[in-house]
N, C-alpha and C. Protein backbone atom coordinates (compact mmCIF):
# COMPACT_ATOMS: atom_id res chain seq x y z
N UNK A 1 -65.62 -1.29 9.90
CA UNK A 1 -64.75 -0.33 9.28
C UNK A 1 -63.33 -0.52 9.81
N UNK A 2 -62.36 -0.39 8.92
CA UNK A 2 -60.97 -0.62 9.26
C UNK A 2 -60.36 0.60 9.95
N UNK A 3 -59.49 0.34 10.93
CA UNK A 3 -58.82 1.43 11.64
C UNK A 3 -57.47 1.78 11.03
N UNK A 4 -57.04 1.02 10.03
CA UNK A 4 -55.76 1.28 9.36
C UNK A 4 -55.97 2.40 8.36
N UNK A 5 -55.14 3.44 8.42
CA UNK A 5 -55.29 4.56 7.48
C UNK A 5 -55.20 4.10 6.03
N UNK A 6 -55.84 4.83 5.15
CA UNK A 6 -55.89 4.49 3.73
C UNK A 6 -54.49 4.46 3.12
N UNK A 7 -53.65 5.38 3.51
CA UNK A 7 -52.29 5.46 2.98
C UNK A 7 -51.51 4.17 3.30
N UNK A 8 -51.64 3.66 4.53
CA UNK A 8 -50.96 2.43 4.95
C UNK A 8 -51.49 1.24 4.16
N UNK A 9 -52.83 1.19 3.96
CA UNK A 9 -53.43 0.09 3.18
C UNK A 9 -52.89 0.10 1.76
N UNK A 10 -52.70 1.28 1.18
CA UNK A 10 -52.19 1.39 -0.19
C UNK A 10 -50.76 0.88 -0.25
N UNK A 11 -49.94 1.25 0.75
CA UNK A 11 -48.55 0.78 0.79
C UNK A 11 -48.49 -0.73 0.92
N UNK A 12 -49.32 -1.29 1.77
CA UNK A 12 -49.33 -2.74 1.95
C UNK A 12 -49.73 -3.43 0.65
N UNK A 13 -50.72 -2.88 -0.03
CA UNK A 13 -51.17 -3.46 -1.29
C UNK A 13 -50.06 -3.35 -2.32
N UNK A 14 -49.40 -2.20 -2.36
CA UNK A 14 -48.31 -2.01 -3.32
C UNK A 14 -47.14 -2.93 -3.01
N UNK A 15 -46.80 -3.11 -1.72
CA UNK A 15 -45.68 -3.98 -1.38
C UNK A 15 -46.01 -5.43 -1.67
N UNK A 16 -47.30 -5.81 -1.55
CA UNK A 16 -47.70 -7.16 -1.91
C UNK A 16 -47.53 -7.39 -3.41
N UNK A 17 -47.79 -6.39 -4.22
CA UNK A 17 -47.66 -6.51 -5.66
C UNK A 17 -46.22 -6.27 -6.10
N UNK A 18 -45.44 -5.65 -5.25
CA UNK A 18 -44.06 -5.28 -5.59
C UNK A 18 -43.17 -6.50 -5.77
N UNK A 19 -43.20 -7.42 -4.83
CA UNK A 19 -42.32 -8.58 -4.88
C UNK A 19 -42.53 -9.43 -6.14
N UNK A 20 -43.76 -9.80 -6.50
CA UNK A 20 -43.93 -10.58 -7.73
C UNK A 20 -43.50 -9.78 -8.98
N UNK A 21 -43.76 -8.48 -8.97
CA UNK A 21 -43.37 -7.66 -10.12
C UNK A 21 -41.85 -7.62 -10.25
N UNK A 22 -41.16 -7.47 -9.13
CA UNK A 22 -39.69 -7.46 -9.15
C UNK A 22 -39.15 -8.78 -9.68
N UNK A 23 -39.68 -9.87 -9.16
CA UNK A 23 -39.21 -11.18 -9.59
C UNK A 23 -39.50 -11.43 -11.06
N UNK A 24 -40.65 -10.96 -11.54
CA UNK A 24 -40.99 -11.13 -12.95
C UNK A 24 -40.02 -10.35 -13.83
N UNK A 25 -39.74 -9.10 -13.48
CA UNK A 25 -38.83 -8.27 -14.28
C UNK A 25 -37.42 -8.85 -14.24
N UNK A 26 -36.97 -9.28 -13.07
CA UNK A 26 -35.63 -9.87 -12.97
C UNK A 26 -35.53 -11.15 -13.79
N UNK A 27 -36.59 -11.94 -13.78
CA UNK A 27 -36.62 -13.16 -14.59
C UNK A 27 -36.63 -12.83 -16.08
N UNK A 28 -37.45 -11.85 -16.44
CA UNK A 28 -37.58 -11.45 -17.84
C UNK A 28 -36.26 -10.91 -18.40
N UNK A 29 -35.53 -10.14 -17.59
CA UNK A 29 -34.30 -9.51 -18.05
C UNK A 29 -33.03 -10.15 -17.48
N UNK A 30 -33.15 -11.38 -17.01
CA UNK A 30 -31.97 -12.02 -16.39
C UNK A 30 -30.83 -12.18 -17.39
N UNK A 31 -31.15 -12.50 -18.64
CA UNK A 31 -30.08 -12.65 -19.65
C UNK A 31 -29.36 -11.32 -19.86
N UNK A 32 -30.13 -10.24 -19.90
CA UNK A 32 -29.55 -8.91 -20.08
C UNK A 32 -28.63 -8.56 -18.91
N UNK A 33 -29.06 -8.83 -17.69
CA UNK A 33 -28.27 -8.53 -16.50
C UNK A 33 -27.01 -9.39 -16.47
N UNK A 34 -27.15 -10.67 -16.84
CA UNK A 34 -25.99 -11.55 -16.89
C UNK A 34 -24.97 -11.07 -17.93
N UNK A 35 -25.43 -10.61 -19.07
CA UNK A 35 -24.52 -10.09 -20.10
C UNK A 35 -23.70 -8.92 -19.58
N UNK A 36 -24.36 -8.04 -18.83
CA UNK A 36 -23.64 -6.90 -18.25
C UNK A 36 -22.53 -7.42 -17.33
N UNK A 37 -22.86 -8.40 -16.50
CA UNK A 37 -21.86 -8.98 -15.59
C UNK A 37 -20.74 -9.66 -16.33
N UNK A 38 -21.07 -10.42 -17.37
CA UNK A 38 -20.04 -11.13 -18.13
C UNK A 38 -19.12 -10.17 -18.86
N UNK A 39 -19.69 -9.08 -19.39
CA UNK A 39 -18.85 -8.08 -20.08
C UNK A 39 -17.80 -7.50 -19.15
N UNK A 40 -18.15 -7.45 -17.87
CA UNK A 40 -17.22 -6.88 -16.89
C UNK A 40 -16.49 -7.97 -16.11
N UNK A 41 -16.55 -9.20 -16.64
CA UNK A 41 -15.83 -10.35 -16.09
C UNK A 41 -16.16 -10.63 -14.62
N UNK A 42 -17.43 -10.58 -14.29
CA UNK A 42 -17.86 -10.86 -12.93
C UNK A 42 -18.13 -12.35 -12.78
N UNK A 43 -17.85 -12.87 -11.59
CA UNK A 43 -18.10 -14.29 -11.31
C UNK A 43 -19.59 -14.51 -11.03
N UNK A 44 -19.97 -15.77 -10.87
CA UNK A 44 -21.37 -16.10 -10.57
C UNK A 44 -21.81 -15.48 -9.25
N UNK A 45 -20.96 -15.52 -8.25
CA UNK A 45 -21.33 -14.92 -6.95
C UNK A 45 -21.46 -13.40 -7.10
N UNK A 46 -20.62 -12.81 -7.96
CA UNK A 46 -20.74 -11.37 -8.21
C UNK A 46 -22.04 -11.08 -8.94
N UNK A 47 -22.43 -11.94 -9.87
CA UNK A 47 -23.70 -11.77 -10.58
C UNK A 47 -24.88 -11.81 -9.61
N UNK A 48 -24.80 -12.71 -8.63
CA UNK A 48 -25.86 -12.77 -7.61
C UNK A 48 -25.95 -11.44 -6.87
N UNK A 49 -24.80 -10.87 -6.58
CA UNK A 49 -24.78 -9.57 -5.89
C UNK A 49 -25.35 -8.47 -6.78
N UNK A 50 -25.04 -8.53 -8.08
CA UNK A 50 -25.58 -7.54 -9.02
C UNK A 50 -27.10 -7.68 -9.09
N UNK A 51 -27.61 -8.92 -9.17
CA UNK A 51 -29.05 -9.14 -9.21
C UNK A 51 -29.71 -8.54 -7.96
N UNK A 52 -29.12 -8.79 -6.81
CA UNK A 52 -29.70 -8.27 -5.57
C UNK A 52 -29.68 -6.74 -5.58
N UNK A 53 -28.59 -6.17 -6.06
CA UNK A 53 -28.48 -4.71 -6.12
C UNK A 53 -29.50 -4.12 -7.09
N UNK A 54 -29.71 -4.79 -8.23
CA UNK A 54 -30.71 -4.33 -9.20
C UNK A 54 -32.10 -4.40 -8.56
N UNK A 55 -32.36 -5.47 -7.85
CA UNK A 55 -33.66 -5.63 -7.16
C UNK A 55 -33.90 -4.47 -6.21
N UNK A 56 -32.90 -4.15 -5.41
CA UNK A 56 -33.04 -3.05 -4.44
C UNK A 56 -33.20 -1.71 -5.14
N UNK A 57 -32.42 -1.48 -6.18
CA UNK A 57 -32.50 -0.20 -6.89
C UNK A 57 -33.86 -0.01 -7.56
N UNK A 58 -34.38 -1.07 -8.16
CA UNK A 58 -35.71 -0.97 -8.79
C UNK A 58 -36.77 -0.71 -7.73
N UNK A 59 -36.67 -1.42 -6.61
CA UNK A 59 -37.64 -1.26 -5.55
C UNK A 59 -37.62 0.17 -5.00
N UNK A 60 -36.43 0.71 -4.78
CA UNK A 60 -36.32 2.07 -4.24
C UNK A 60 -36.76 3.14 -5.24
N UNK A 61 -36.40 2.96 -6.50
CA UNK A 61 -36.67 4.00 -7.50
C UNK A 61 -38.12 3.98 -7.98
N UNK A 62 -38.65 2.80 -8.21
CA UNK A 62 -39.97 2.73 -8.85
C UNK A 62 -41.11 2.53 -7.84
N UNK A 63 -40.89 1.94 -6.73
CA UNK A 63 -41.78 1.84 -5.57
C UNK A 63 -43.11 1.10 -5.76
N UNK A 64 -43.56 0.89 -6.96
CA UNK A 64 -44.83 0.15 -7.12
C UNK A 64 -44.62 -0.96 -8.13
N UNK A 65 -45.40 -2.02 -7.95
CA UNK A 65 -45.30 -3.16 -8.87
C UNK A 65 -45.65 -2.76 -10.29
N UNK A 66 -46.61 -1.89 -10.43
CA UNK A 66 -47.05 -1.46 -11.75
C UNK A 66 -45.93 -0.71 -12.48
N UNK A 67 -45.25 0.19 -11.78
CA UNK A 67 -44.16 0.96 -12.41
C UNK A 67 -42.98 0.05 -12.73
N UNK A 68 -42.74 -0.94 -11.87
CA UNK A 68 -41.63 -1.87 -12.12
C UNK A 68 -41.92 -2.68 -13.37
N UNK A 69 -43.15 -3.16 -13.50
CA UNK A 69 -43.52 -3.97 -14.67
C UNK A 69 -43.41 -3.17 -15.97
N UNK A 70 -43.65 -1.85 -15.89
CA UNK A 70 -43.60 -1.00 -17.09
C UNK A 70 -42.20 -0.46 -17.38
N UNK A 71 -41.20 -0.79 -16.55
CA UNK A 71 -39.84 -0.27 -16.75
C UNK A 71 -39.28 -0.79 -18.08
N UNK A 72 -38.75 0.10 -18.90
CA UNK A 72 -38.20 -0.34 -20.19
C UNK A 72 -36.89 -1.10 -20.01
N UNK A 73 -36.54 -1.87 -21.02
CA UNK A 73 -35.31 -2.67 -20.99
C UNK A 73 -34.08 -1.78 -20.81
N UNK A 74 -34.12 -0.60 -21.41
CA UNK A 74 -32.97 0.30 -21.29
C UNK A 74 -32.76 0.73 -19.84
N UNK A 75 -33.86 0.91 -19.10
CA UNK A 75 -33.75 1.29 -17.69
C UNK A 75 -33.15 0.14 -16.88
N UNK A 76 -33.59 -1.08 -17.17
CA UNK A 76 -33.06 -2.26 -16.47
C UNK A 76 -31.58 -2.42 -16.80
N UNK A 77 -31.24 -2.22 -18.08
CA UNK A 77 -29.84 -2.33 -18.50
C UNK A 77 -28.97 -1.31 -17.77
N UNK A 78 -29.40 -0.05 -17.74
CA UNK A 78 -28.61 1.00 -17.06
C UNK A 78 -28.49 0.71 -15.57
N UNK A 79 -29.55 0.19 -14.98
CA UNK A 79 -29.52 -0.15 -13.55
C UNK A 79 -28.53 -1.28 -13.30
N UNK A 80 -28.54 -2.30 -14.15
CA UNK A 80 -27.61 -3.42 -14.02
C UNK A 80 -26.17 -2.96 -14.24
N UNK A 81 -25.96 -2.12 -15.24
CA UNK A 81 -24.63 -1.60 -15.51
C UNK A 81 -24.11 -0.79 -14.33
N UNK A 82 -24.95 0.05 -13.79
CA UNK A 82 -24.57 0.86 -12.62
C UNK A 82 -24.25 -0.03 -11.42
N UNK A 83 -25.05 -1.06 -11.20
CA UNK A 83 -24.82 -1.98 -10.08
C UNK A 83 -23.50 -2.73 -10.27
N UNK A 84 -23.22 -3.17 -11.48
CA UNK A 84 -21.97 -3.91 -11.75
C UNK A 84 -20.75 -3.00 -11.56
N UNK A 85 -20.83 -1.79 -12.07
CA UNK A 85 -19.70 -0.87 -11.93
C UNK A 85 -19.48 -0.48 -10.46
N UNK A 86 -20.56 -0.29 -9.72
CA UNK A 86 -20.42 0.02 -8.30
C UNK A 86 -19.78 -1.14 -7.54
N UNK A 87 -20.14 -2.36 -7.90
CA UNK A 87 -19.54 -3.53 -7.28
C UNK A 87 -18.04 -3.56 -7.56
N UNK A 88 -17.66 -3.32 -8.79
CA UNK A 88 -16.24 -3.31 -9.16
C UNK A 88 -15.49 -2.21 -8.40
N UNK A 89 -16.10 -1.04 -8.31
CA UNK A 89 -15.46 0.08 -7.57
C UNK A 89 -15.29 -0.26 -6.09
N UNK A 90 -16.30 -0.87 -5.50
CA UNK A 90 -16.20 -1.24 -4.08
C UNK A 90 -15.07 -2.24 -3.86
N UNK A 91 -14.96 -3.20 -4.77
CA UNK A 91 -13.90 -4.21 -4.65
C UNK A 91 -12.52 -3.56 -4.79
N UNK A 92 -12.39 -2.67 -5.76
CA UNK A 92 -11.10 -1.98 -5.93
C UNK A 92 -10.76 -1.15 -4.71
N UNK A 93 -11.74 -0.45 -4.18
CA UNK A 93 -11.51 0.39 -3.00
C UNK A 93 -11.09 -0.48 -1.82
N UNK A 94 -11.72 -1.63 -1.66
CA UNK A 94 -11.38 -2.54 -0.58
C UNK A 94 -9.96 -3.08 -0.76
N UNK A 95 -9.62 -3.43 -2.01
CA UNK A 95 -8.27 -3.93 -2.28
C UNK A 95 -7.23 -2.86 -2.00
N UNK A 96 -7.55 -1.63 -2.38
CA UNK A 96 -6.61 -0.54 -2.14
C UNK A 96 -6.45 -0.27 -0.65
N UNK A 97 -7.54 -0.45 0.11
CA UNK A 97 -7.42 -0.28 1.56
C UNK A 97 -6.55 -1.39 2.14
N UNK A 98 -6.76 -2.62 1.65
CA UNK A 98 -5.99 -3.74 2.15
C UNK A 98 -4.53 -3.63 1.72
N UNK A 99 -4.32 -3.20 0.49
CA UNK A 99 -2.97 -3.11 -0.04
C UNK A 99 -2.72 -1.68 -0.47
N UNK A 100 -2.18 -0.93 0.43
CA UNK A 100 -1.85 0.46 0.15
C UNK A 100 -0.41 0.50 -0.34
N UNK A 101 -0.19 0.77 -1.65
CA UNK A 101 1.18 0.75 -2.18
C UNK A 101 2.10 1.72 -1.45
N UNK A 102 1.56 2.85 -1.05
CA UNK A 102 2.40 3.83 -0.35
C UNK A 102 2.84 3.26 0.99
N UNK A 103 1.91 2.63 1.68
CA UNK A 103 2.24 2.02 2.97
C UNK A 103 3.24 0.88 2.77
N UNK A 104 3.07 0.12 1.69
CA UNK A 104 4.00 -0.96 1.37
C UNK A 104 5.39 -0.41 1.12
N UNK A 105 5.47 0.68 0.33
CA UNK A 105 6.78 1.29 0.06
C UNK A 105 7.41 1.82 1.34
N UNK A 106 6.59 2.39 2.21
CA UNK A 106 7.12 2.90 3.49
C UNK A 106 7.69 1.76 4.32
N UNK A 107 6.98 0.65 4.37
CA UNK A 107 7.45 -0.50 5.14
C UNK A 107 8.76 -1.03 4.58
N UNK A 108 8.84 -1.12 3.25
CA UNK A 108 10.08 -1.59 2.61
C UNK A 108 11.21 -0.61 2.89
N UNK A 109 10.92 0.69 2.79
CA UNK A 109 11.95 1.71 3.05
C UNK A 109 12.40 1.66 4.51
N UNK A 110 11.45 1.47 5.43
CA UNK A 110 11.83 1.37 6.85
C UNK A 110 12.72 0.16 7.09
N UNK A 111 12.36 -0.96 6.47
CA UNK A 111 13.18 -2.16 6.62
C UNK A 111 14.57 -1.95 6.03
N UNK A 112 14.61 -1.30 4.86
CA UNK A 112 15.91 -1.03 4.23
C UNK A 112 16.74 -0.10 5.11
N UNK A 113 16.08 0.92 5.68
CA UNK A 113 16.81 1.83 6.58
C UNK A 113 17.34 1.08 7.80
N UNK A 114 16.52 0.19 8.34
CA UNK A 114 16.96 -0.57 9.51
C UNK A 114 18.14 -1.46 9.15
N UNK A 115 18.06 -2.12 7.98
CA UNK A 115 19.17 -2.95 7.52
C UNK A 115 20.41 -2.10 7.30
N UNK A 116 20.21 -0.95 6.67
CA UNK A 116 21.33 -0.07 6.38
C UNK A 116 21.98 0.44 7.66
N UNK A 117 21.15 0.85 8.63
CA UNK A 117 21.71 1.36 9.89
C UNK A 117 22.42 0.23 10.65
N UNK A 118 21.89 -0.99 10.53
CA UNK A 118 22.55 -2.13 11.17
C UNK A 118 23.90 -2.39 10.51
N UNK A 119 23.93 -2.32 9.18
CA UNK A 119 25.18 -2.49 8.46
C UNK A 119 26.17 -1.40 8.84
N UNK A 120 25.68 -0.15 8.91
CA UNK A 120 26.56 0.95 9.31
C UNK A 120 27.09 0.74 10.72
N UNK A 121 26.22 0.26 11.60
CA UNK A 121 26.64 0.01 12.97
C UNK A 121 27.72 -1.07 13.01
N UNK A 122 27.50 -2.15 12.24
CA UNK A 122 28.50 -3.21 12.16
C UNK A 122 29.81 -2.68 11.57
N UNK A 123 29.69 -1.88 10.52
CA UNK A 123 30.87 -1.31 9.89
C UNK A 123 31.62 -0.38 10.84
N UNK A 124 30.85 0.41 11.60
CA UNK A 124 31.49 1.31 12.57
C UNK A 124 32.22 0.51 13.64
N UNK A 125 31.61 -0.57 14.12
CA UNK A 125 32.26 -1.42 15.12
C UNK A 125 33.53 -2.04 14.55
N UNK A 126 33.41 -2.54 13.33
CA UNK A 126 34.56 -3.15 12.67
C UNK A 126 35.67 -2.12 12.48
N UNK A 127 35.31 -0.94 12.05
CA UNK A 127 36.27 0.13 11.82
C UNK A 127 36.95 0.55 13.13
N UNK A 128 36.16 0.72 14.19
CA UNK A 128 36.71 1.11 15.49
C UNK A 128 37.69 0.06 16.00
N UNK A 129 37.30 -1.20 15.85
CA UNK A 129 38.17 -2.29 16.29
C UNK A 129 39.48 -2.31 15.49
N UNK A 130 39.36 -2.13 14.18
CA UNK A 130 40.54 -2.17 13.32
C UNK A 130 41.45 -0.97 13.59
N UNK A 131 40.89 0.18 13.88
CA UNK A 131 41.70 1.37 14.18
C UNK A 131 42.54 1.13 15.44
N UNK A 132 41.99 0.40 16.41
CA UNK A 132 42.76 0.13 17.64
C UNK A 132 43.98 -0.73 17.38
N UNK A 133 44.02 -1.42 16.25
CA UNK A 133 45.17 -2.27 15.94
C UNK A 133 46.31 -1.48 15.28
N UNK A 134 46.03 -0.22 14.90
CA UNK A 134 47.08 0.61 14.29
C UNK A 134 48.08 1.06 15.35
N UNK A 135 49.31 1.37 14.90
CA UNK A 135 50.30 1.91 15.83
C UNK A 135 49.85 3.29 16.31
N UNK A 136 50.27 3.68 17.49
CA UNK A 136 49.79 4.88 18.19
C UNK A 136 49.77 6.14 17.33
N UNK A 137 50.87 6.61 16.74
CA UNK A 137 50.80 7.89 16.03
C UNK A 137 49.84 7.84 14.83
N UNK A 138 49.83 6.72 14.12
CA UNK A 138 48.92 6.57 12.97
C UNK A 138 47.47 6.52 13.44
N UNK A 139 47.22 5.82 14.54
CA UNK A 139 45.87 5.69 15.08
C UNK A 139 45.29 7.07 15.41
N UNK A 140 46.07 7.94 16.06
CA UNK A 140 45.61 9.26 16.44
C UNK A 140 45.25 10.09 15.22
N UNK A 141 46.13 10.09 14.22
CA UNK A 141 45.92 10.89 13.01
C UNK A 141 44.70 10.37 12.24
N UNK A 142 44.57 9.06 12.11
CA UNK A 142 43.43 8.48 11.37
C UNK A 142 42.11 8.80 12.08
N UNK A 143 42.07 8.69 13.40
CA UNK A 143 40.84 9.01 14.14
C UNK A 143 40.44 10.46 13.94
N UNK A 144 41.42 11.35 14.02
CA UNK A 144 41.11 12.77 13.84
C UNK A 144 40.63 13.05 12.41
N UNK A 145 41.26 12.38 11.45
CA UNK A 145 40.87 12.56 10.04
C UNK A 145 39.42 12.07 9.84
N UNK A 146 39.09 10.91 10.40
CA UNK A 146 37.74 10.37 10.27
C UNK A 146 36.71 11.19 11.04
N UNK A 147 37.17 11.93 12.05
CA UNK A 147 36.28 12.81 12.80
C UNK A 147 36.02 14.11 12.04
N UNK A 148 36.76 14.34 10.94
CA UNK A 148 36.48 15.50 10.11
C UNK A 148 37.53 16.59 10.15
N UNK A 149 38.60 16.36 10.86
CA UNK A 149 39.66 17.37 10.90
C UNK A 149 40.46 17.33 9.61
N UNK A 150 40.86 18.51 9.15
CA UNK A 150 41.73 18.62 7.98
C UNK A 150 43.16 18.32 8.42
N UNK A 151 43.95 17.90 7.46
CA UNK A 151 45.34 17.52 7.74
C UNK A 151 46.11 18.66 8.41
N UNK A 152 45.94 19.89 7.96
CA UNK A 152 46.64 21.03 8.56
C UNK A 152 46.20 21.27 10.01
N UNK A 153 44.90 21.07 10.28
CA UNK A 153 44.41 21.24 11.65
C UNK A 153 45.02 20.19 12.58
N UNK A 154 45.10 18.96 12.07
CA UNK A 154 45.68 17.87 12.87
C UNK A 154 47.14 18.21 13.22
N UNK A 155 47.87 18.68 12.21
CA UNK A 155 49.28 19.03 12.43
C UNK A 155 49.40 20.12 13.48
N UNK A 156 48.55 21.12 13.38
CA UNK A 156 48.60 22.24 14.32
C UNK A 156 48.23 21.79 15.73
N UNK A 157 47.16 20.97 15.86
CA UNK A 157 46.72 20.52 17.18
C UNK A 157 47.75 19.61 17.85
N UNK A 158 48.42 18.78 17.07
CA UNK A 158 49.38 17.84 17.65
C UNK A 158 50.80 18.43 17.73
N UNK A 159 50.97 19.58 17.11
CA UNK A 159 52.30 20.21 17.15
C UNK A 159 53.29 19.55 16.22
N UNK A 160 52.81 18.91 15.17
CA UNK A 160 53.67 18.23 14.21
C UNK A 160 53.77 19.08 12.95
N UNK A 161 54.73 18.70 12.12
CA UNK A 161 54.83 19.36 10.82
C UNK A 161 53.74 18.80 9.91
N UNK A 162 53.44 19.55 8.89
CA UNK A 162 52.41 19.10 7.93
C UNK A 162 52.88 17.83 7.22
N UNK A 163 54.19 17.73 6.91
CA UNK A 163 54.75 16.57 6.22
C UNK A 163 54.64 15.31 7.09
N UNK A 164 54.95 15.43 8.38
CA UNK A 164 54.85 14.28 9.30
C UNK A 164 53.40 13.83 9.41
N UNK A 165 52.49 14.78 9.55
CA UNK A 165 51.05 14.47 9.67
C UNK A 165 50.56 13.78 8.40
N UNK A 166 50.92 14.32 7.26
CA UNK A 166 50.51 13.74 5.97
C UNK A 166 51.03 12.32 5.85
N UNK A 167 52.30 12.09 6.18
CA UNK A 167 52.93 10.78 6.07
C UNK A 167 52.24 9.78 6.99
N UNK A 168 52.01 10.16 8.25
CA UNK A 168 51.35 9.26 9.20
C UNK A 168 49.89 8.99 8.78
N UNK A 169 49.20 9.99 8.27
CA UNK A 169 47.81 9.83 7.83
C UNK A 169 47.72 8.85 6.66
N UNK A 170 48.54 9.04 5.63
CA UNK A 170 48.49 8.17 4.45
C UNK A 170 48.88 6.74 4.79
N UNK A 171 49.90 6.59 5.62
CA UNK A 171 50.31 5.23 6.01
C UNK A 171 49.25 4.59 6.91
N UNK A 172 48.67 5.39 7.81
CA UNK A 172 47.61 4.86 8.69
C UNK A 172 46.38 4.43 7.90
N UNK A 173 45.96 5.26 6.92
CA UNK A 173 44.80 4.90 6.08
C UNK A 173 45.09 3.67 5.23
N UNK A 174 46.32 3.56 4.72
CA UNK A 174 46.71 2.38 3.93
C UNK A 174 46.67 1.13 4.81
N UNK A 175 47.20 1.22 6.02
CA UNK A 175 47.16 0.07 6.95
C UNK A 175 45.71 -0.31 7.27
N UNK A 176 44.90 0.70 7.52
CA UNK A 176 43.48 0.47 7.84
C UNK A 176 42.77 -0.24 6.69
N UNK A 177 42.97 0.25 5.48
CA UNK A 177 42.35 -0.35 4.29
C UNK A 177 42.79 -1.80 4.13
N UNK A 178 44.09 -2.04 4.27
CA UNK A 178 44.62 -3.40 4.11
C UNK A 178 44.02 -4.35 5.14
N UNK A 179 43.93 -3.91 6.38
CA UNK A 179 43.41 -4.77 7.45
C UNK A 179 41.91 -5.03 7.28
N UNK A 180 41.18 -4.00 6.85
CA UNK A 180 39.74 -4.18 6.64
C UNK A 180 39.46 -5.14 5.49
N UNK A 181 40.24 -5.04 4.43
CA UNK A 181 40.04 -5.93 3.28
C UNK A 181 40.52 -7.36 3.59
N UNK A 182 41.54 -7.49 4.41
CA UNK A 182 42.06 -8.82 4.75
C UNK A 182 41.13 -9.57 5.68
N UNK A 183 40.37 -8.85 6.50
CA UNK A 183 39.50 -9.48 7.48
C UNK A 183 38.10 -8.89 7.39
N UNK A 184 37.32 -9.29 6.37
CA UNK A 184 35.98 -8.71 6.18
C UNK A 184 35.02 -9.01 7.33
N UNK A 185 35.33 -10.01 8.15
CA UNK A 185 34.42 -10.33 9.25
C UNK A 185 34.54 -9.35 10.40
N UNK A 186 35.57 -8.49 10.35
CA UNK A 186 35.73 -7.50 11.38
C UNK A 186 36.67 -7.92 12.48
N UNK A 187 37.27 -9.09 12.35
CA UNK A 187 38.21 -9.56 13.37
C UNK A 187 39.63 -9.39 12.87
N UNK A 188 40.06 -8.17 12.85
CA UNK A 188 41.40 -7.84 12.34
C UNK A 188 42.46 -8.20 13.35
């Protein structure tokens, strides 16, 4: 008498019959499964993956060789379609993980900001250097103007008339503009 429980013997018998039944059904419906893959533009290696997925799904869902052999073509078709679509979804999800457009845009924006801040830094250096080449009264007025002071405030702080401040500011800005345009490299 056998010491293996009856339930285990039944499972072993079913699993022995399961593999040939799976292979028979996959062979019988291989054209149908391939059509599903071709409709969704899957490669041969992708078709192999779909076949394997169909094999696993049939084995899990139907569990016995007898039930697998009796599975209708529509069930095999739906299983193949589901396997193909899941494969496509997994690939898209993987591609999106690898290539995150938002992350790409952030990287581009960060690079642009770095370039922009570098340009601003260069421009500020060039501007500061060029301002030092202005004559003293114009240099003072232009610096204060660029710092955000209004013309009337500059006149009041320096004890000058508004007309003198305006004249020195306009001439200083004109000199600054001319020197910056004449020497774009920043060596005024």
